[in-house]
């Protein structure tokens, strides 16, 4: 048997109590919906108000002053901004931007455009999708304490000996147009003489940073430098810092007279740098000599293929160099750490002319053969010819030699260099016979004639074949 609804204790749908409970639940849902609608309306209104306020001149001026004030956390200088525009949600435009350090204006920018995403700035760090810098002017100065802009940006994170900001930085597109740079180098006897003025500087590059690893990708750099003259038509490549190593990838340089390609790494670049670098291309020493005094005076345009590995004081070089002075190919161990320079190893020479290398036309030669060197070029006295600063030992064996107006074949010679004095011990075939020689030669220089004291033995020489100058 089934009981009636009253008997079971369950209220009937027609029971007034059931209708009251259903009505109450609907009332709660309606009120909740009303609250959500009100909150949504307020939120949308607040966002709309914020958007409206953010576009007002008052807010942009407040933001400009805020940026200037907050910049003191990052910049060791006084930042000024003439104007701030843009919609602020996706980008900002700045005009008349300048940075003064100790009362001196070191950076001035006519216009600066930044494109970004507010979400990425909040969640990822400093992420700017594009930066455009129009007509910047930089004033650089170097003295005994270093460059005036070296500490312009404050540092707050460390790894090993490197420092950098504590948050990631992503700048995938940086465009610099029509920049100008003035350089005041007050250091004594700099190894590199930088142009006093750089104009028409155009740059397109990208920068990525994760504490504390850097990657700089250069798509294009070009400029015109004066005093001394240097025009760079194109510079591109990638530089990155990882684990105290500086990586150079596909670095390409094109100037008016020079073309270079560089790949490799400089390990432990802050403490004891060790190279693993490959360099190929064509170099104009007259052009380089305007910038690097050590290369001045050499009227040579070598094609080079050089692989360098090791520290500066023990640098293994696998080289192939060909120029107007002939060709040198071999493996040597070099000491390129100042002040003195040294080289030790074996090289093959082909049609080597010493005159342009010694900057002395009287030293014209044509040498082909195999040489073993252990030579140091001293840095002092600074004004002395290169030949007068050489010291060490050498040996040479070759099928043909033309030097000092004489020609010989099947040459074997060893000797010692002590400045302009060269001690030799050799033998060769020449002028229909054979000869040996032992003694010394003093190379000529302004105010110093050629001198020699040689003894030896000659057999079956045809004196009629000797150069006319001999008599």
Foldseek 3Di string as FASTA:
>chain_A
DDDDCVVVVDDDPVDPVVVVVVVVVVVVVVVVVVVVVVVVVVVVVVVVVVQVVLQDPVNQVVVQVVCQVVCVVWFQWGWHWPGWHDSVQFKIKTAFIWTDHPNHTFKTFGIKIWGDHPVCCVPANAETAEIETEAMEGEWEQEPVGIPCPCGTPWDADDDHDTHDQGKHWHAWYWYFFYKYAYHYPYPPDQWAFFRIKTRWIWIWIWTAHVHKIKIWTPWIWIFGVPPTWTWPTWGWMWMDDPQKIWTGQTWTDTPQWTKTKGFMFHNVPPFTWTFMWMWTKAQLCNRCSTGVVSPQQRKIKTKTWTWTTTQQFIWIQIWIQIPQFIKGDIWTWRRDDDKIWIWDKIFTAQGFCCSVQVHPQFGKGDGWMKTWTKMFGCPPVPDGSQQRIWGKMWTFAQWMATSNFIWGRKTKIWTRHGQKIFMWIKTHGQQWIKTKGWIWGPDDVVRHTDTDIDIDIDRHDVVPGDPVVD
